[in-house]
PDB file of N, CA and C in Angstrom:
ATOM      1  N   MET A   1       0.837  -1.184   0.000  1.00  0.00           N
ATOM      2  CA  MET A   1       0.000   0.000   0.000  1.00  0.00           C
ATOM      3  C   MET A   1       0.882   1.248   0.000  1.00  0.00           C
ATOM      4  N   LYS A   2       0.569   2.187  -0.863  1.00  0.00           N
ATOM      5  CA  LYS A   2       1.364   3.408  -0.977  1.00  0.00           C
ATOM      6  C   LYS A   2       1.230   4.268   0.274  1.00  0.00           C
ATOM      7  N   ALA A   3       2.373   4.750   0.726  1.00  0.00           N
ATOM      8  CA  ALA A   3       2.398   5.613   1.908  1.00  0.00           C
ATOM      9  C   ALA A   3       1.968   7.030   1.540  1.00  0.00           C
ATOM     10  N   LYS A   4       1.404   7.712   2.512  1.00  0.00           N
ATOM     11  CA  LYS A   4       1.013   9.109   2.336  1.00  0.00           C
ATOM     12  C   LYS A   4       1.821  10.037   3.233  1.00  0.00           C
ATOM     13  N   LEU A   5       2.276   9.493   4.359  1.00  0.00           N
ATOM     14  CA  LEU A   5       3.054  10.269   5.327  1.00  0.00           C
ATOM     15  C   LEU A   5       4.257   9.462   5.781  1.00  0.00           C
ATOM     16  N   ILE A   6       5.282  10.176   6.211  1.00  0.00           N
ATOM     17  CA  ILE A   6       6.459   9.535   6.786  1.00  0.00           C
ATOM     18  C   ILE A   6       6.871  10.334   8.013  1.00  0.00           C
ATOM     19  N   LYS A   7       7.259   9.637   9.071  1.00  0.00           N
ATOM     20  CA  LYS A   7       7.635  10.298  10.315  1.00  0.00           C
ATOM     21  C   LYS A   7       9.153  10.353  10.430  1.00  0.00           C
ATOM     22  N   PRO A   8       9.715  11.538  10.613  1.00  0.00           N
ATOM     23  CA  PRO A   8      11.166  11.612  10.799  1.00  0.00           C
ATOM     24  C   PRO A   8      11.563  11.122  12.188  1.00  0.00           C
ATOM     25  N   ARG A   9      12.660  10.381  12.238  1.00  0.00           N
ATOM     26  CA  ARG A   9      13.206   9.931  13.515  1.00  0.00           C
ATOM     27  C   ARG A   9      14.721  10.133  13.434  1.00  0.00           C
ATOM     28  N   PHE A  10      15.226  11.036  14.257  1.00  0.00           N
ATOM     29  CA  PHE A  10      16.658  11.315  14.273  1.00  0.00           C
ATOM     30  C   PHE A  10      17.359  10.270  15.135  1.00  0.00           C
ATOM     31  N   VAL A  11      18.382   9.649  14.562  1.00  0.00           N
ATOM     32  CA  VAL A  11      19.127   8.591  15.238  1.00  0.00           C
ATOM     33  C   VAL A  11      20.616   8.793  14.966  1.00  0.00           C
ATOM     34  N   LYS A  12      21.448   8.235  15.816  1.00  0.00           N
ATOM     35  CA  LYS A  12      22.882   8.247  15.509  1.00  0.00           C
ATOM     36  C   LYS A  12      23.174   7.127  14.513  1.00  0.00           C
ATOM     37  N   PHE A  13      22.675   5.926  14.827  1.00  0.00           N
ATOM     38  CA  PHE A  13      22.871   4.766  13.975  1.00  0.00           C
ATOM     39  C   PHE A  13      21.534   4.310  13.398  1.00  0.00           C
ATOM     40  N   ILE A  14      21.551   3.872  12.159  1.00  0.00           N
ATOM     41  CA  ILE A  14      20.345   3.353  11.519  1.00  0.00           C
ATOM     42  C   ILE A  14      20.054   1.985  12.123  1.00  0.00           C
ATOM     43  N   PRO A  15      18.824   1.739  12.558  1.00  0.00           N
ATOM     44  CA  PRO A  15      18.510   0.430  13.145  1.00  0.00           C
ATOM     45  C   PRO A  15      18.520  -0.674  12.084  1.00  0.00           C
ATOM     46  N   GLU A  16      18.761  -1.899  12.529  1.00  0.00           N
ATOM     47  CA  GLU A  16      18.721  -3.037  11.609  1.00  0.00           C
ATOM     48  C   GLU A  16      17.316  -3.265  11.071  1.00  0.00           C
ATOM     49  N   ASP A  17      16.332  -3.049  11.912  1.00  0.00           N
ATOM     50  CA  ASP A  17      14.932  -3.258  11.533  1.00  0.00           C
ATOM     51  C   ASP A  17      14.308  -1.909  11.151  1.00  0.00           C
ATOM     52  N   VAL A  18      14.365  -1.577   9.871  1.00  0.00           N
ATOM     53  CA  VAL A  18      13.815  -0.319   9.371  1.00  0.00           C
ATOM     54  C   VAL A  18      12.300  -0.484   9.240  1.00  0.00           C
ATOM     55  N   LYS A  19      11.556   0.349   9.918  1.00  0.00           N
ATOM     56  CA  LYS A  19      10.086   0.264   9.929  1.00  0.00           C
ATOM     57  C   LYS A  19       9.483   1.035   8.760  1.00  0.00           C
ATOM     58  N   ASP A  20       8.295   0.620   8.343  1.00  0.00           N
ATOM     59  CA  ASP A  20       7.540   1.353   7.324  1.00  0.00           C
ATOM     60  C   ASP A  20       7.167   2.733   7.851  1.00  0.00           C
ATOM     61  N   ASP A  21       7.058   3.683   6.964  1.00  0.00           N
ATOM     62  CA  ASP A  21       6.565   5.031   7.269  1.00  0.00           C
ATOM     63  C   ASP A  21       7.429   5.820   8.257  1.00  0.00           C
ATOM     64  N   VAL A  22       8.693   5.431   8.391  1.00  0.00           N
ATOM     65  CA  VAL A  22       9.622   6.158   9.259  1.00  0.00           C
ATOM     66  C   VAL A  22      10.848   6.531   8.424  1.00  0.00           C
ATOM     67  N   LEU A  23      11.244   7.793   8.495  1.00  0.00           N
ATOM     68  CA  LEU A  23      12.455   8.283   7.850  1.00  0.00           C
ATOM     69  C   LEU A  23      13.519   8.421   8.936  1.00  0.00           C
ATOM     70  N   TYR A  24      14.474   7.496   8.944  1.00  0.00           N
ATOM     71  CA  TYR A  24      15.563   7.525   9.919  1.00  0.00           C
ATOM     72  C   TYR A  24      16.639   8.458   9.389  1.00  0.00           C
ATOM     73  N   ILE A  25      17.022   9.429  10.213  1.00  0.00           N
ATOM     74  CA  ILE A  25      17.990  10.439   9.791  1.00  0.00           C
ATOM     75  C   ILE A  25      19.168  10.412  10.754  1.00  0.00           C
ATOM     76  N   SER A  26      20.351  10.137  10.216  1.00  0.00           N
ATOM     77  CA  SER A  26      21.572  10.172  11.008  1.00  0.00           C
ATOM     78  C   SER A  26      22.386  11.376  10.570  1.00  0.00           C
ATOM     79  N   ILE A  27      22.368  12.409  11.375  1.00  0.00           N
ATOM     80  CA  ILE A  27      23.150  13.609  11.068  1.00  0.00           C
ATOM     81  C   ILE A  27      24.653  13.300  11.112  1.00  0.00           C
ATOM     82  N   PRO A  28      25.148  12.571  12.145  1.00  0.00           N
ATOM     83  CA  PRO A  28      26.589  12.303  12.172  1.00  0.00           C
ATOM     84  C   PRO A  28      27.105  11.570  10.931  1.00  0.00           C
ATOM     85  N   TYR A  29      26.266  10.755  10.324  1.00  0.00           N
ATOM     86  CA  TYR A  29      26.684   9.988   9.148  1.00  0.00           C
ATOM     87  C   TYR A  29      26.094  10.524   7.845  1.00  0.00           C
ATOM     88  N   GLY A  30      25.385  11.632   7.911  1.00  0.00           N
ATOM     89  CA  GLY A  30      24.867  12.278   6.713  1.00  0.00           C
ATOM     90  C   GLY A  30      24.018  11.369   5.843  1.00  0.00           C
ATOM     91  N   THR A  31      23.109  10.648   6.475  1.00  0.00           N
ATOM     92  CA  THR A  31      22.314   9.665   5.747  1.00  0.00           C
ATOM     93  C   THR A  31      20.880   9.635   6.268  1.00  0.00           C
ATOM     94  N   ALA A  32      19.956   9.432   5.346  1.00  0.00           N
ATOM     95  CA  ALA A  32      18.561   9.172   5.701  1.00  0.00           C
ATOM     96  C   ALA A  32      18.156   7.865   5.019  1.00  0.00           C
ATOM     97  N   ILE A  33      17.417   7.040   5.730  1.00  0.00           N
ATOM     98  CA  ILE A  33      16.991   5.738   5.216  1.00  0.00           C
ATOM     99  C   ILE A  33      15.522   5.535   5.543  1.00  0.00           C
ATOM    100  N   HIS A  34      14.809   4.931   4.592  1.00  0.00           N
ATOM    101  CA  HIS A  34      13.396   4.596   4.821  1.00  0.00           C
ATOM    102  C   HIS A  34      13.008   3.420   3.937  1.00  0.00           C
ATOM    103  N   LYS A  35      11.870   2.809   4.232  1.00  0.00           N
ATOM    104  CA  LYS A  35      11.319   1.778   3.356  1.00  0.00           C
ATOM    105  C   LYS A  35      10.639   2.484   2.195  1.00  0.00           C
ATOM    106  N   CYS A  36      10.767   1.921   1.006  1.00  0.00           N
ATOM    107  CA  CYS A  36      10.158   2.522  -0.177  1.00  0.00           C
ATOM    108  C   CYS A  36       8.684   2.820   0.086  1.00  0.00           C
ATOM    109  N   ALA A  37       8.271   4.000  -0.301  1.00  0.00           N
ATOM    110  CA  ALA A  37       6.907   4.464  -0.028  1.00  0.00           C
ATOM    111  C   ALA A  37       5.840   3.702  -0.819  1.00  0.00           C
ATOM    112  N   CYS A  38       6.257   2.922  -1.831  1.00  0.00           N
ATOM    113  CA  CYS A  38       5.270   2.177  -2.622  1.00  0.00           C
ATOM    114  C   CYS A  38       4.762   0.951  -1.878  1.00  0.00           C
ATOM    115  N   GLY A  39       5.486   0.540  -0.829  1.00  0.00           N
ATOM    116  CA  GLY A  39       5.076  -0.628  -0.072  1.00  0.00           C
ATOM    117  C   GLY A  39       5.779  -1.911  -0.489  1.00  0.00           C
ATOM    118  N   CYS A  40       6.755  -1.815  -1.405  1.00  0.00           N
ATOM    119  CA  CYS A  40       7.457  -3.015  -1.896  1.00  0.00           C
ATOM    120  C   CYS A  40       8.370  -3.634  -0.839  1.00  0.00           C
ATOM    121  N   GLY A  41       8.698  -2.867   0.217  1.00  0.00           N
ATOM    122  CA  GLY A  41       9.526  -3.388   1.297  1.00  0.00           C
ATOM    123  C   GLY A  41      11.017  -3.132   1.152  1.00  0.00           C
ATOM    124  N   GLU A  42      11.432  -2.575   0.027  1.00  0.00           N
ATOM    125  CA  GLU A  42      12.861  -2.288  -0.182  1.00  0.00           C
ATOM    126  C   GLU A  42      13.298  -1.093   0.673  1.00  0.00           C
ATOM    127  N   THR A  43      14.544  -1.123   1.119  1.00  0.00           N
ATOM    128  CA  THR A  43      15.117  -0.024   1.891  1.00  0.00           C
ATOM    129  C   THR A  43      15.752   0.968   0.927  1.00  0.00           C
ATOM    130  N   VAL A  44      15.482   2.246   1.153  1.00  0.00           N
ATOM    131  CA  VAL A  44      15.973   3.318   0.286  1.00  0.00           C
ATOM    132  C   VAL A  44      16.938   4.191   1.086  1.00  0.00           C
ATOM    133  N   VAL A  45      18.139   4.362   0.566  1.00  0.00           N
ATOM    134  CA  VAL A  45      19.171   5.174   1.213  1.00  0.00           C
ATOM    135  C   VAL A  45      19.286   6.489   0.456  1.00  0.00           C
ATOM    136  N   THR A  46      19.223   7.594   1.190  1.00  0.00           N
ATOM    137  CA  THR A  46      19.381   8.918   0.595  1.00  0.00           C
ATOM    138  C   THR A  46      20.515   9.641   1.328  1.00  0.00           C
ATOM    139  N   PRO A  47      21.728   9.612   0.750  1.00  0.00           N
ATOM    140  CA  PRO A  47      22.842  10.320   1.380  1.00  0.00           C
ATOM    141  C   PRO A  47      22.573  11.826   1.398  1.00  0.00           C
ATOM    142  N   ILE A  48      22.820  12.433   2.527  1.00  0.00           N
ATOM    143  CA  ILE A  48      22.619  13.879   2.655  1.00  0.00           C
ATOM    144  C   ILE A  48      23.984  14.539   2.451  1.00  0.00           C
ATOM    145  N   ARG A  49      24.165  15.038   1.227  1.00  0.00           N
ATOM    146  CA  ARG A  49      25.432  15.630   0.821  1.00  0.00           C
ATOM    147  C   ARG A  49      25.147  16.684  -0.238  1.00  0.00           C
ATOM    148  N   PRO A  50      26.073  17.591  -0.445  1.00  0.00           N
ATOM    149  CA  PRO A  50      25.844  18.637  -1.449  1.00  0.00           C
ATOM    150  C   PRO A  50      25.558  18.094  -2.848  1.00  0.00           C
ATOM    151  N   THR A  51      26.056  16.901  -3.161  1.00  0.00           N
ATOM    152  CA  THR A  51      25.845  16.349  -4.499  1.00  0.00           C
ATOM    153  C   THR A  51      24.741  15.293  -4.548  1.00  0.00           C
ATOM    154  N   ASP A  52      24.080  15.047  -3.442  1.00  0.00           N
ATOM    155  CA  ASP A  52      23.010  14.035  -3.406  1.00  0.00           C
ATOM    156  C   ASP A  52      21.706  14.699  -2.960  1.00  0.00           C
ATOM    157  N   TRP A  53      21.296  14.462  -1.724  1.00  0.00           N
ATOM    158  CA  TRP A  53      20.057  15.062  -1.227  1.00  0.00           C
ATOM    159  C   TRP A  53      20.364  16.134  -0.196  1.00  0.00           C
ATOM    160  N   THR A  54      19.476  17.102  -0.124  1.00  0.00           N
ATOM    161  CA  THR A  54      19.509  18.068   0.967  1.00  0.00           C
ATOM    162  C   THR A  54      18.276  17.823   1.821  1.00  0.00           C
ATOM    163  N   MET A  55      18.400  18.181   3.075  1.00  0.00           N
ATOM    164  CA  MET A  55      17.301  17.980   4.000  1.00  0.00           C
ATOM    165  C   MET A  55      16.987  19.294   4.698  1.00  0.00           C
ATOM    166  N   ILE A  56      15.719  19.572   4.807  1.00  0.00           N
ATOM    167  CA  ILE A  56      15.260  20.726   5.588  1.00  0.00           C
ATOM    168  C   ILE A  56      14.404  20.179   6.718  1.00  0.00           C
ATOM    169  N   TRP A  57      14.731  20.566   7.928  1.00  0.00           N
ATOM    170  CA  TRP A  57      13.940  20.202   9.105  1.00  0.00           C
ATOM    171  C   TRP A  57      13.524  21.506   9.749  1.00  0.00           C
ATOM    172  N   ASN A  58      12.232  21.721   9.869  1.00  0.00           N
ATOM    173  CA  ASN A  58      11.756  22.983  10.426  1.00  0.00           C
ATOM    174  C   ASN A  58      11.454  22.871  11.921  1.00  0.00           C
ATOM    175  N   GLY A  59      11.993  21.853  12.557  1.00  0.00           N
ATOM    176  CA  GLY A  59      11.748  21.629  13.970  1.00  0.00           C
ATOM    177  C   GLY A  59      10.622  20.641  14.194  1.00  0.00           C
ATOM    178  N   GLU A  60       9.913  20.330  13.136  1.00  0.00           N
ATOM    179  CA  GLU A  60       8.778  19.413  13.232  1.00  0.00           C
ATOM    180  C   GLU A  60       8.688  18.482  12.018  1.00  0.00           C
ATOM    181  N   LYS A  61       8.871  19.059  10.838  1.00  0.00           N
ATOM    182  CA  LYS A  61       8.687  18.299   9.602  1.00  0.00           C
ATOM    183  C   LYS A  61       9.958  18.321   8.762  1.00  0.00           C
ATOM    184  N   VAL A  62      10.088  17.274   7.917  1.00  0.00           N
ATOM    185  CA  VAL A  62      11.282  17.115   7.086  1.00  0.00           C
ATOM    186  C   VAL A  62      10.909  17.138   5.608  1.00  0.00           C
ATOM    187  N   THR A  63      11.781  17.775   4.826  1.00  0.00           N
ATOM    188  CA  THR A  63      11.686  17.771   3.363  1.00  0.00           C
ATOM    189  C   THR A  63      13.026  17.301   2.820  1.00  0.00           C
ATOM    190  N   LEU A  64      12.985  16.376   1.851  1.00  0.00           N
ATOM    191  CA  LEU A  64      14.187  15.957   1.144  1.00  0.00           C
ATOM    192  C   LEU A  64      14.104  16.474  -0.283  1.00  0.00           C
ATOM    193  N   ASP A  65      15.241  16.900  -0.808  1.00  0.00           N
ATOM    194  CA  ASP A  65      15.291  17.386  -2.177  1.00  0.00           C
ATOM    195  C   ASP A  65      16.564  16.854  -2.808  1.00  0.00           C
ATOM    196  N   PRO A  66      16.523  16.325  -4.001  1.00  0.00           N
ATOM    197  CA  PRO A  66      15.419  16.273  -4.958  1.00  0.00           C
ATOM    198  C   PRO A  66      14.487  15.091  -4.693  1.00  0.00           C
ATOM    199  N   SER A  67      13.694  14.757  -5.687  1.00  0.00           N
ATOM    200  CA  SER A  67      12.776  13.631  -5.581  1.00  0.00           C
ATOM    201  C   SER A  67      13.561  12.330  -5.409  1.00  0.00           C
ATOM    202  N   ILE A  68      12.855  11.316  -4.990  1.00  0.00           N
ATOM    203  CA  ILE A  68      13.447   9.996  -4.809  1.00  0.00           C
ATOM    204  C   ILE A  68      12.965   9.127  -5.961  1.00  0.00           C
ATOM    205  N   GLY A  69      13.887   8.797  -6.825  1.00  0.00           N
ATOM    206  CA  GLY A  69      13.584   7.933  -7.969  1.00  0.00           C
ATOM    207  C   GLY A  69      14.249   6.591  -7.744  1.00  0.00           C
ATOM    208  N   ASN A  70      13.458   5.591  -7.441  1.00  0.00           N
ATOM    209  CA  ASN A  70      13.993   4.265  -7.142  1.00  0.00           C
ATOM    210  C   ASN A  70      14.194   3.465  -8.424  1.00  0.00           C
ATOM    211  N   TRP A  71      15.039   3.997  -9.313  1.00  0.00           N
ATOM    212  CA  TRP A  71      15.207   3.430 -10.650  1.00  0.00           C
ATOM    213  C   TRP A  71      15.863   2.065 -10.630  1.00  0.00           C
ATOM    214  N   SER A  72      16.630   1.762  -9.591  1.00  0.00           N
ATOM    215  CA  SER A  72      17.304   0.466  -9.512  1.00  0.00           C
ATOM    216  C   SER A  72      16.434  -0.610  -8.871  1.00  0.00           C
ATOM    217  N   LEU A  73      15.309  -0.223  -8.328  1.00  0.00           N
ATOM    218  CA  LEU A  73      14.401  -1.183  -7.701  1.00  0.00           C
ATOM    219  C   LEU A  73      13.372  -1.676  -8.716  1.00  0.00           C
ATOM    220  N   PRO A  74      12.851  -2.873  -8.524  1.00  0.00           N
ATOM    221  CA  PRO A  74      11.819  -3.382  -9.443  1.00  0.00           C
ATOM    222  C   PRO A  74      10.588  -2.477  -9.538  1.00  0.00           C
ATOM    223  N   CYS A  75      10.237  -1.800  -8.444  1.00  0.00           N
ATOM    224  CA  CYS A  75       9.017  -0.968  -8.427  1.00  0.00           C
ATOM    225  C   CYS A  75       9.161   0.308  -9.255  1.00  0.00           C
ATOM    226  N   LYS A  76      10.398   0.809  -9.402  1.00  0.00           N
ATOM    227  CA  LYS A  76      10.676   2.052 -10.146  1.00  0.00           C
ATOM    228  C   LYS A  76       9.845   3.235  -9.624  1.00  0.00           C
ATOM    229  N   SER A  77       9.527   3.227  -8.333  1.00  0.00           N
ATOM    230  CA  SER A  77       8.693   4.297  -7.783  1.00  0.00           C
ATOM    231  C   SER A  77       9.433   5.634  -7.805  1.00  0.00           C
ATOM    232  N   HIS A  78       8.660   6.706  -7.799  1.00  0.00           N
ATOM    233  CA  HIS A  78       9.200   8.058  -7.889  1.00  0.00           C
ATOM    234  C   HIS A  78       8.309   8.972  -7.052  1.00  0.00           C
ATOM    235  N   TYR A  79       8.900   9.614  -6.045  1.00  0.00           N
ATOM    236  CA  TYR A  79       8.114  10.462  -5.145  1.00  0.00           C
ATOM    237  C   TYR A  79       9.006  11.500  -4.479  1.00  0.00           C
ATOM    238  N   LEU A  80       8.358  12.439  -3.857  1.00  0.00           N
ATOM    239  CA  LEU A  80       9.048  13.461  -3.076  1.00  0.00           C
ATOM    240  C   LEU A  80       8.620  13.315  -1.623  1.00  0.00           C
ATOM    241  N   ILE A  81       9.476  13.771  -0.726  1.00  0.00           N
ATOM    242  CA  ILE A  81       9.103  13.884   0.686  1.00  0.00           C
ATOM    243  C   ILE A  81       9.109  15.373   0.987  1.00  0.00           C
ATOM    244  N   ILE A  82       7.922  15.908   1.191  1.00  0.00           N
ATOM    245  CA  ILE A  82       7.756  17.334   1.450  1.00  0.00           C
ATOM    246  C   ILE A  82       6.973  17.494   2.745  1.00  0.00           C
ATOM    247  N   GLU A  83       7.636  18.049   3.744  1.00  0.00           N
ATOM    248  CA  GLU A  83       7.033  18.256   5.069  1.00  0.00           C
ATOM    249  C   GLU A  83       6.303  17.002   5.556  1.00  0.00           C
ATOM    250  N   ASN A  84       7.040  15.886   5.541  1.00  0.00           N
ATOM    251  CA  ASN A  84       6.568  14.568   6.004  1.00  0.00           C
ATOM    252  C   ASN A  84       5.523  13.926   5.101  1.00  0.00           C
ATOM    253  N   LYS A  85       5.146  14.581   4.017  1.00  0.00           N
ATOM    254  CA  LYS A  85       4.152  14.007   3.104  1.00  0.00           C
ATOM    255  C   LYS A  85       4.857  13.343   1.935  1.00  0.00           C
ATOM    256  N   ILE A  86       4.309  12.212   1.499  1.00  0.00           N
ATOM    257  CA  ILE A  86       4.786  11.553   0.292  1.00  0.00           C
ATOM    258  C   ILE A  86       3.968  12.113  -0.866  1.00  0.00           C
ATOM    259  N   VAL A  87       4.652  12.737  -1.800  1.00  0.00           N
ATOM    260  CA  VAL A  87       3.999  13.313  -2.976  1.00  0.00           C
ATOM    261  C   VAL A  87       4.457  12.485  -4.175  1.00  0.00           C
ATOM    262  N   TRP A  88       3.526  11.777  -4.773  1.00  0.00           N
ATOM    263  CA  TRP A  88       3.863  10.882  -5.882  1.00  0.00           C
ATOM    264  C   TRP A  88       4.146  11.665  -7.150  1.00  0.00           C
ATOM    265  N   ALA A  89       5.186  11.247  -7.844  1.00  0.00           N
ATOM    266  CA  ALA A  89       5.616  11.907  -9.075  1.00  0.00           C
ATOM    267  C   ALA A  89       5.440  10.948 -10.253  1.00  0.00           C
ATOM    268  N   THR A  90       5.585  11.480 -11.445  1.00  0.00           N
ATOM    269  CA  THR A  90       5.407  10.668 -12.651  1.00  0.00           C
ATOM    270  C   THR A  90       6.577   9.705 -12.835  1.00  0.00           C
ATOM    271  N   ARG A  91       6.290   8.625 -13.533  1.00  0.00           N
ATOM    272  CA  ARG A  91       7.352   7.674 -13.901  1.00  0.00           C
ATOM    273  C   ARG A  91       8.239   8.316 -14.951  1.00  0.00           C
ATOM    274  N   TRP A  92       9.506   7.970 -14.926  1.00  0.00           N
ATOM    275  CA  TRP A  92      10.443   8.483 -15.907  1.00  0.00           C
ATOM    276  C   TRP A  92      10.777   7.399 -16.917  1.00  0.00           C
ATOM    277  N   SER A  93      11.082   7.817 -18.120  1.00  0.00           N
ATOM    278  CA  SER A  93      11.518   6.887 -19.160  1.00  0.00           C
ATOM    279  C   SER A  93      12.975   6.492 -18.891  1.00  0.00           C
ATOM    280  N   ARG A  94      13.413   5.406 -19.513  1.00  0.00           N
ATOM    281  CA  ARG A  94      14.818   4.994 -19.382  1.00  0.00           C
ATOM    282  C   ARG A  94      15.757   6.099 -19.856  1.00  0.00           C
ATOM    283  N   MET A  95      15.338   6.789 -20.900  1.00  0.00           N
ATOM    284  CA  MET A  95      16.161   7.870 -21.446  1.00  0.00           C
ATOM    285  C   MET A  95      16.315   9.008 -20.429  1.00  0.00           C
ATOM    286  N   LYS A  96      15.236   9.387 -19.793  1.00  0.00           N
ATOM    287  CA  LYS A  96      15.273  10.465 -18.804  1.00  0.00           C
ATOM    288  C   LYS A  96      16.095  10.047 -17.576  1.00  0.00           C
ATOM    289  N   ILE A  97      15.950   8.786 -17.167  1.00  0.00           N
ATOM    290  CA  ILE A  97      16.732   8.272 -16.037  1.00  0.00           C
ATOM    291  C   ILE A  97      18.218   8.323 -16.378  1.00  0.00           C
ATOM    292  N   GLY A  98      18.573   7.870 -17.570  1.00  0.00           N
ATOM    293  CA  GLY A  98      19.969   7.882 -18.001  1.00  0.00           C
ATOM    294  C   GLY A  98      20.543   9.287 -18.051  1.00  0.00           C
ATOM    295  N   ALA A  99      19.755  10.222 -18.569  1.00  0.00           N
ATOM    296  CA  ALA A  99      20.207  11.618 -18.644  1.00  0.00           C
ATOM    297  C   ALA A  99      20.403  12.199 -17.248  1.00  0.00           C
ATOM    298  N   SER A 100      19.509  11.867 -16.337  1.00  0.00           N
ATOM    299  CA  SER A 100      19.613  12.360 -14.962  1.00  0.00           C
ATOM    300  C   SER A 100      20.843  11.783 -14.268  1.00  0.00           C
ATOM    301  N   ARG A 101      21.096  10.506 -14.471  1.00  0.00           N
ATOM    302  CA  ARG A 101      22.280   9.874 -13.879  1.00  0.00           C
ATOM    303  C   ARG A 101      23.565  10.515 -14.418  1.00  0.00           C
ATOM    304  N   GLU A 102      23.595  10.806 -15.704  1.00  0.00           N
ATOM    305  CA  GLU A 102      24.771  11.427 -16.305  1.00  0.00           C
ATOM    306  C   GLU A 102      24.976  12.844 -15.748  1.00  0.00           C
ATOM    307  N   LYS A 103      23.891  13.579 -15.600  1.00  0.00           N
ATOM    308  CA  LYS A 103      23.955  14.930 -15.031  1.00  0.00           C
ATOM    309  C   LYS A 103      24.482  14.876 -13.594  1.00  0.00           C
ATOM    310  N   ASP A 104      24.000  13.908 -12.811  1.00  0.00           N
ATOM    311  CA  ASP A 104      24.478  13.741 -11.435  1.00  0.00           C
ATOM    312  C   ASP A 104      25.969  13.408 -11.398  1.00  0.00           C
ATOM    313  N   LYS A 105      26.391  12.533 -12.295  1.00  0.00           N
ATOM    314  CA  LYS A 105      27.796  12.126 -12.366  1.00  0.00           C
ATOM    315  C   LYS A 105      28.694  13.329 -12.656  1.00  0.00           C
ATOM    316  N   ILE A 106      28.274  14.171 -13.580  1.00  0.00           N
ATOM    317  CA  ILE A 106      29.039  15.370 -13.941  1.00  0.00           C
ATOM    318  C   ILE A 106      29.071  16.359 -12.765  1.00  0.00           C
ATOM    319  N   ALA A 107      27.931  16.544 -12.113  1.00  0.00           N
ATOM    320  CA  ALA A 107      27.871  17.463 -10.963  1.00  0.00           C
ATOM    321  C   ALA A 107      28.785  16.990  -9.841  1.00  0.00           C
ATOM    322  N   LYS A 108      28.815  15.695  -9.578  1.00  0.00           N
ATOM    323  CA  LYS A 108      29.697  15.157  -8.530  1.00  0.00           C
ATOM    324  C   LYS A 108      31.161  15.353  -8.906  1.00  0.00           C
ATOM    325  N   ALA A 109      31.502  15.079 -10.156  1.00  0.00           N
ATOM    326  CA  ALA A 109      32.889  15.248 -10.597  1.00  0.00           C
ATOM    327  C   ALA A 109      33.332  16.707 -10.433  1.00  0.00           C
ATOM    328  N   ARG A 110      32.470  17.643 -10.813  1.00  0.00           N
ATOM    329  CA  ARG A 110      32.803  19.074 -10.659  1.00  0.00           C
ATOM    330  C   ARG A 110      32.990  19.440  -9.195  1.00  0.00           C
ATOM    331  N   TYR A 111      32.041  19.016  -8.365  1.00  0.00           N
ATOM    332  CA  TYR A 111      32.077  19.355  -6.943  1.00  0.00           C
ATOM    333  C   TYR A 111      33.351  18.820  -6.291  1.00  0.00           C
ATOM    334  N   TYR A 112      33.641  17.534  -6.498  1.00  0.00           N
ATOM    335  CA  TYR A 112      34.786  16.927  -5.828  1.00  0.00           C
ATOM    336  C   TYR A 112      36.119  17.371  -6.425  1.00  0.00           C
ATOM    337  N   SER A 113      36.139  17.764  -7.683  1.00  0.00           N
ATOM    338  CA  SER A 113      37.383  18.281  -8.256  1.00  0.00           C
ATOM    339  C   SER A 113      37.738  19.629  -7.641  1.00  0.00           C
ATOM    340  N   LYS A 114      36.737  20.402  -7.237  1.00  0.00           N
ATOM    341  CA  LYS A 114      36.994  21.688  -6.570  1.00  0.00           C
ATOM    342  C   LYS A 114      37.551  21.477  -5.167  1.00  0.00           C
ATOM    343  N   LEU A 115      37.198  20.370  -4.529  1.00  0.00           N
ATOM    344  CA  LEU A 115      37.676  20.095  -3.173  1.00  0.00           C
ATOM    345  C   LEU A 115      39.111  19.583  -3.148  1.00  0.00           C
ATOM    346  N   GLN A 116      39.557  18.934  -4.209  1.00  0.00           N
ATOM    347  CA  GLN A 116      40.897  18.347  -4.220  1.00  0.00           C
ATOM    348  C   GLN A 116      42.009  19.346  -3.981  1.00  0.00           C
ATOM    349  N   PRO A 117      42.008  20.531  -4.600  1.00  0.00           N
ATOM    350  CA  PRO A 117      43.075  21.483  -4.297  1.00  0.00           C
ATOM    351  C   PRO A 117      43.086  21.896  -2.820  1.00  0.00           C
ATOM    352  N   LEU A 118      41.918  22.011  -2.201  1.00  0.00           N
ATOM    353  CA  LEU A 118      41.849  22.352  -0.783  1.00  0.00           C
ATOM    354  C   LEU A 118      42.444  21.243   0.072  1.00  0.00           C
ATOM    355  N   GLN A 119      42.170  19.998  -0.295  1.00  0.00           N
ATOM    356  CA  GLN A 119      42.700  18.867   0.478  1.00  0.00           C
ATOM    357  C   GLN A 119      44.217  18.772   0.348  1.00  0.00           C
ATOM    358  N   ARG A 120      44.749  19.097  -0.835  1.00  0.00           N
ATOM    359  CA  ARG A 120      46.213  19.048  -1.030  1.00  0.00           C
ATOM    360  C   ARG A 120      46.897  20.109  -0.169  1.00  0.00           C
ATOM    361  N   LYS A 121      46.302  21.298  -0.057  1.00  0.00           N
ATOM    362  CA  LYS A 121      46.886  22.376   0.729  1.00  0.00           C
ATOM    363  C   LYS A 121      46.957  21.987   2.213  1.00  0.00           C
ATOM    364  N   ARG A 122      45.942  21.290   2.693  1.00  0.00           N
ATOM    365  CA  ARG A 122      45.914  20.878   4.103  1.00  0.00           C
ATOM    366  C   ARG A 122      46.931  19.791   4.385  1.00  0.00           C
ATOM    367  N   GLY A 123      47.180  18.915   3.404  1.00  0.00           N
ATOM    368  CA  GLY A 123      48.053  17.753   3.588  1.00  0.00           C
ATOM    369  C   GLY A 123      49.460  18.126   3.666  1.00  0.00           C
TER     370      GLY A 123
END
C-alpha cells in the first residue's frame, strides 16, 4: 500500500529493523533511510550531501530534495518527501533516467574536483 506520510526519527545509527513510514535520519553519518513508499519493502538510502540530497527540518517536519527515484528497484517508484508528506511523481523513461544519472555524475565530478586542491593544501 502506498504511503502518504512519513515520520522523521533522528538517530545516531540506523537500526537493523527499518520500519515502514519512518524516515531515519543520522546527522553524524549524513544519511537518511526509509522503506520505499510504494510498499514493496525495499530499503531506500538517501545520502545527505551537497551532491546528493539536501534535508530541511523545520523543527517538526522534514523535506528531502530532490525527488526519490527508485530506478534500480523493481518498483521504479518516484516520489518526493515534502514536510513529512509523500507526494507521488510521474514515472520516468529509461532515457530520462539515463540523462539524470549522467547529469548527477558530472555534478559530482565538478564538486569533488573543486575540493581536491583544498585537500592538497591541508596535507
